[in-house]
Amino acid sequence: MNIVLLNKVLFNNAVCKSNKRCKQMNRELKANLPKSYLSEEEIQEILILDGEECLYLEQSRRADECGDNEAGWQWLALTELPTHSLACLKEVKGAEFIKKYNFNTTEADKKYGKGWLDQ
């Protein structure tokens, strides 16, 4: 869902640069994403060359680099972490941390069983 929002923001920026309504829509769409430390040009380049997952990872890395750990975790939570990474994250940070940031646990639920996070 978030990549759809991001694509709408990029599309709106490209199509309607001077339209007030488009600018308002962009502000609303951006409000649903974590804080970005990348320029729109960097975002477009990463999406074109590397794809959505790489964009989220780079957003996370850049946020951490800028000292914004909260945004770093929010961007990382948008990625599809491998099941073993989620299990490690649970061990290190706890189940509530994974729930707080709404990490996608679909594959881990399949591998470890529904409710693995609370065990």
Protein backbone atom coordinates (compact mmCIF):
# COMPACT_ATOMS: atom_id res chain seq x y z
CA MET A 1 0.00 0.00 0.00
CA ASN A 2 2.76 2.48 0.86
CA ILE A 3 4.48 2.10 -2.50
CA VAL A 4 1.16 3.02 -4.10
CA LEU A 5 1.09 6.19 -2.00
CA LEU A 6 4.68 6.95 -2.91
CA ASN A 7 4.00 6.44 -6.60
CA LYS A 8 0.98 8.76 -6.39
CA VAL A 9 3.18 11.41 -4.77
CA LEU A 10 5.79 11.07 -7.50
CA PHE A 11 3.14 11.09 -10.22
CA ASN A 12 1.43 14.14 -8.78
CA ASN A 13 4.76 15.96 -8.53
CA ALA A 14 5.51 15.25 -12.17
CA VAL A 15 2.05 16.04 -13.58
CA CYS A 16 0.71 18.96 -11.61
CA LYS A 17 3.50 21.14 -10.35
CA SER A 18 1.49 24.36 -10.03
CA ASN A 19 -2.00 23.07 -9.22
CA LYS A 20 -2.95 23.85 -5.57
CA ARG A 21 -5.22 20.82 -5.28
CA CYS A 22 -2.44 18.49 -6.45
CA LYS A 23 -0.03 20.02 -3.95
CA GLN A 24 -2.56 19.45 -1.16
CA MET A 25 -3.04 15.82 -2.25
CA ASN A 26 0.73 15.32 -2.17
CA ARG A 27 0.95 16.70 1.36
CA GLU A 28 -1.81 14.32 2.48
CA LEU A 29 -0.18 11.33 0.78
CA LYS A 30 3.24 12.10 2.23
CA ALA A 31 1.70 12.36 5.70
CA ASN A 32 1.03 8.59 5.55
CA LEU A 33 4.70 7.73 4.99
CA PRO A 34 7.60 7.91 7.46
CA LYS A 35 9.84 10.95 7.23
CA SER A 36 12.09 10.77 4.19
CA TYR A 37 15.70 11.91 4.08
CA LEU A 38 16.00 11.31 0.34
CA SER A 39 15.35 13.83 -2.40
CA GLU A 40 12.56 13.12 -4.87
CA GLU A 41 15.23 12.54 -7.51
CA GLU A 42 16.95 9.92 -5.34
CA ILE A 43 13.61 8.23 -4.66
CA GLN A 44 12.75 8.06 -8.36
CA GLU A 45 16.20 6.74 -9.26
CA ILE A 46 16.10 3.99 -6.64
CA LEU A 47 12.57 2.96 -7.63
CA ILE A 48 13.51 2.77 -11.30
CA LEU A 49 16.87 1.03 -10.85
CA ASP A 50 16.40 -1.10 -7.74
CA GLY A 51 12.74 -1.30 -6.80
CA GLU A 52 10.54 -0.84 -3.78
CA GLU A 53 12.43 -3.01 -1.27
CA CYS A 54 15.70 -1.22 -1.95
CA LEU A 55 13.98 2.13 -1.59
CA TYR A 56 12.67 1.21 1.85
CA LEU A 57 16.07 -0.12 2.92
CA GLU A 58 17.82 3.02 1.70
CA GLN A 59 15.21 5.20 3.40
CA SER A 60 15.82 3.27 6.62
CA ARG A 61 19.60 3.53 6.30
CA ARG A 62 19.49 7.24 5.56
CA ALA A 63 17.13 7.94 8.47
CA ASP A 64 19.47 6.07 10.83
CA GLU A 65 22.45 7.93 9.38
CA CYS A 66 20.66 11.20 10.16
CA GLY A 67 19.98 10.07 13.72
CA ASP A 68 16.26 9.44 13.25
CA ASN A 69 15.98 5.87 14.54
CA GLU A 70 12.19 6.09 14.70
CA ALA A 71 11.88 6.77 10.97
CA GLY A 72 14.56 4.15 10.35
CA TRP A 73 12.45 1.46 12.02
CA GLN A 74 9.29 2.70 10.31
CA TRP A 75 10.91 2.39 6.87
CA LEU A 76 12.42 -1.00 7.71
CA ALA A 77 8.99 -2.25 8.79
CA LEU A 78 7.76 -1.63 5.24
CA THR A 79 10.21 -4.22 3.87
CA GLU A 80 9.60 -7.94 3.60
CA LEU A 81 12.07 -9.21 6.20
CA PRO A 82 13.04 -12.89 5.99
CA THR A 83 11.47 -15.11 8.64
CA HIS A 84 14.78 -15.70 10.43
CA SER A 85 15.33 -11.93 10.63
CA LEU A 86 11.93 -11.46 12.23
CA ALA A 87 12.70 -14.25 14.72
CA CYS A 88 15.97 -12.52 15.57
CA LEU A 89 14.23 -9.16 15.90
CA LYS A 90 11.72 -10.74 18.27
CA GLU A 91 14.54 -12.12 20.41
CA VAL A 92 16.46 -8.84 20.49
CA LYS A 93 13.66 -6.25 20.61
CA GLY A 94 10.62 -8.28 21.66
CA ALA A 95 7.25 -9.10 20.16
CA GLU A 96 5.72 -5.76 21.12
CA PHE A 97 8.38 -3.97 19.09
CA ILE A 98 7.40 -5.93 15.97
CA LYS A 99 3.74 -5.16 16.62
CA LYS A 100 4.42 -1.48 17.34
CA TYR A 101 6.01 -0.97 13.93
CA ASN A 102 3.61 -3.35 12.20
CA PHE A 103 6.27 -5.53 10.58
CA ASN A 104 4.80 -7.94 8.04
CA THR A 105 4.83 -11.36 9.73
CA THR A 106 2.83 -13.30 7.11
CA GLU A 107 5.69 -15.60 6.07
CA ALA A 108 6.88 -16.06 9.66
CA ASP A 109 3.32 -16.97 10.67
CA LYS A 110 3.37 -19.69 8.00
CA LYS A 111 6.80 -20.97 9.00
CA TYR A 112 6.54 -20.75 12.81
CA GLY A 113 2.78 -21.08 13.18
CA LYS A 114 0.13 -18.53 13.95
CA GLY A 115 0.80 -16.97 17.32
CA TRP A 116 4.57 -17.51 17.22
CA LEU A 117 5.08 -13.87 18.05
CA ASP A 118 3.32 -14.20 21.41
CA GLN A 119 5.02 -17.43 22.47
